[in-house]
């Protein structure tokens, strides 16, 4: 099963914990295909990932500023993505440096555990 999960991640370019960490630490704009759920439309999204961790139900999640792409809500804006629903993860070489309005440098109150959080210079 472990081998299957590894191959599955490589083939689909899903958001691995290490890949997520790299994108957050380097502040890399990332193109994702988000499978969504009954509320969110599936589709391609361009995001600025800033925080990753787990929810109170231990789902792996990502807090990101979505700049464009499929969504049921307003763009640009803050979005919460379940990492197990990201089907394609493509960090670009484009860095984002702007701290978006409402960014919390100490984590995310909706997360049970924070793995990584972007750091911006003031």
Protein backbone atom coordinates (compact mmCIF):
# COMPACT_ATOMS: atom_id res chain seq x y z
CA UNK A 1 0.00 0.00 0.00
CA UNK A 2 2.88 2.38 0.78
CA UNK A 3 4.38 1.79 -2.68
CA UNK A 4 0.98 2.38 -4.28
CA UNK A 5 0.58 5.71 -2.46
CA UNK A 6 4.08 6.80 -3.48
CA UNK A 7 3.47 5.93 -7.14
CA UNK A 8 0.03 7.52 -7.00
CA UNK A 9 1.57 10.79 -5.73
CA UNK A 10 4.25 10.79 -8.42
CA UNK A 11 1.86 10.02 -11.27
CA UNK A 12 -0.79 12.54 -10.26
CA UNK A 13 1.59 15.17 -8.89
CA UNK A 14 -0.53 15.46 -5.76
CA UNK A 15 0.38 17.82 -2.98
CA UNK A 16 2.89 15.95 -0.87
CA UNK A 17 3.79 17.27 2.56
CA UNK A 18 7.35 18.00 1.37
CA UNK A 19 6.15 19.71 -1.82
CA UNK A 20 3.70 21.79 0.18
CA UNK A 21 6.45 22.77 2.62
CA UNK A 22 8.75 23.85 -0.23
CA UNK A 23 6.04 25.98 -1.87
CA UNK A 24 5.15 27.67 1.43
CA UNK A 25 8.74 28.31 2.54
CA UNK A 26 9.76 29.65 -0.88
CA UNK A 27 6.45 31.47 -1.37
CA UNK A 28 5.86 29.92 -4.79
CA UNK A 29 2.66 30.62 -6.69
CA UNK A 30 1.18 27.19 -7.40
CA UNK A 31 -1.23 25.84 -9.98
CA UNK A 32 -3.49 23.10 -8.62
CA UNK A 33 -6.37 21.00 -9.85
CA UNK A 34 -8.78 20.83 -6.93
CA UNK A 35 -11.28 18.00 -6.97
CA UNK A 36 -13.58 19.94 -4.68
CA UNK A 37 -16.64 18.52 -3.02
CA UNK A 38 -20.38 19.15 -3.12
CA UNK A 39 -19.82 22.85 -2.36
CA UNK A 40 -16.72 23.76 -4.36
CA UNK A 41 -16.49 23.40 -8.12
CA UNK A 42 -13.68 21.13 -9.29
CA UNK A 43 -11.13 22.78 -11.55
CA UNK A 44 -7.82 24.55 -11.95
CA UNK A 45 -6.84 27.22 -9.45
CA UNK A 46 -3.85 29.51 -9.06
CA UNK A 47 -2.95 29.89 -5.40
CA UNK A 48 -0.40 31.40 -3.03
CA UNK A 49 -0.01 28.69 -0.34
CA UNK A 50 0.78 30.11 3.11
CA UNK A 51 -0.13 27.54 5.77
CA UNK A 52 -0.50 23.76 5.95
CA UNK A 53 -1.57 21.45 8.73
CA UNK A 54 -4.49 19.36 9.91
CA UNK A 55 -8.09 20.12 10.83
CA UNK A 56 -9.71 19.13 14.10
CA UNK A 57 -10.79 15.96 12.24
CA UNK A 58 -7.14 15.35 11.23
CA UNK A 59 -7.67 16.07 7.53
CA UNK A 60 -4.54 17.50 5.87
CA UNK A 61 -5.34 21.04 4.72
CA UNK A 62 -3.87 24.11 3.12
CA UNK A 63 -4.71 27.79 3.62
CA UNK A 64 -4.00 29.78 0.46
CA UNK A 65 -4.80 33.04 -1.28
CA UNK A 66 -6.52 32.10 -4.54
CA UNK A 67 -5.79 34.58 -7.32
CA UNK A 68 -7.77 32.94 -10.13
CA UNK A 69 -9.56 29.81 -11.24
CA UNK A 70 -12.63 27.75 -10.48
CA UNK A 71 -14.52 28.50 -7.28
CA UNK A 72 -18.00 29.07 -5.87
CA UNK A 73 -16.84 32.11 -3.94
CA UNK A 74 -15.10 35.39 -4.67
CA UNK A 75 -11.62 35.53 -6.19
CA UNK A 76 -9.14 36.78 -5.18
CA UNK A 77 -9.55 35.64 -1.62
CA UNK A 78 -8.59 33.23 1.15
CA UNK A 79 -9.44 29.58 0.55
CA UNK A 80 -9.10 26.39 2.55
CA UNK A 81 -8.17 23.25 0.58
CA UNK A 82 -8.13 19.65 1.70
CA UNK A 83 -4.81 18.31 0.46
CA UNK A 84 -6.30 14.88 -0.24
CA UNK A 85 -8.55 16.57 -2.82
CA UNK A 86 -5.70 18.26 -4.72
CA UNK A 87 -5.12 16.14 -7.84
CA UNK A 88 -2.35 18.13 -9.46
CA UNK A 89 0.30 20.28 -7.74
CA UNK A 90 2.52 22.43 -9.94
CA UNK A 91 4.61 25.08 -8.17
CA UNK A 92 5.71 27.80 -10.57
CA UNK A 93 8.96 29.69 -10.40
CA UNK A 94 6.96 32.83 -9.64
CA UNK A 95 7.36 34.02 -6.05
CA UNK A 96 4.76 35.99 -4.14
CA UNK A 97 6.03 38.47 -1.58
CA UNK A 98 2.93 40.40 -0.60
CA UNK A 99 1.27 39.63 2.72
CA UNK A 100 -2.43 39.47 1.85
CA UNK A 101 -5.08 41.18 4.03
CA UNK A 102 -6.12 39.02 6.97
CA UNK A 103 -2.97 36.87 6.96
CA UNK A 104 -2.22 35.40 10.39
CA UNK A 105 1.54 34.89 10.88
CA UNK A 106 0.87 32.59 13.85
CA UNK A 107 -1.14 29.96 12.02
CA UNK A 108 -4.76 29.27 11.36
CA UNK A 109 -7.37 29.00 14.13
CA UNK A 110 -9.35 26.44 12.11
CA UNK A 111 -6.36 24.07 12.18
CA UNK A 112 -5.69 21.56 14.92
CA UNK A 113 -2.00 21.42 14.04
CA UNK A 114 0.14 23.73 11.87
CA UNK A 115 2.99 22.07 9.95
CA UNK A 116 4.26 25.04 7.96
CA UNK A 117 3.46 28.74 7.87
CA UNK A 118 4.90 31.35 5.50
CA UNK A 119 7.05 34.08 6.95
CA UNK A 120 6.93 37.58 5.51
CA UNK A 121 9.22 40.49 6.25
CA UNK A 122 7.42 43.48 7.68
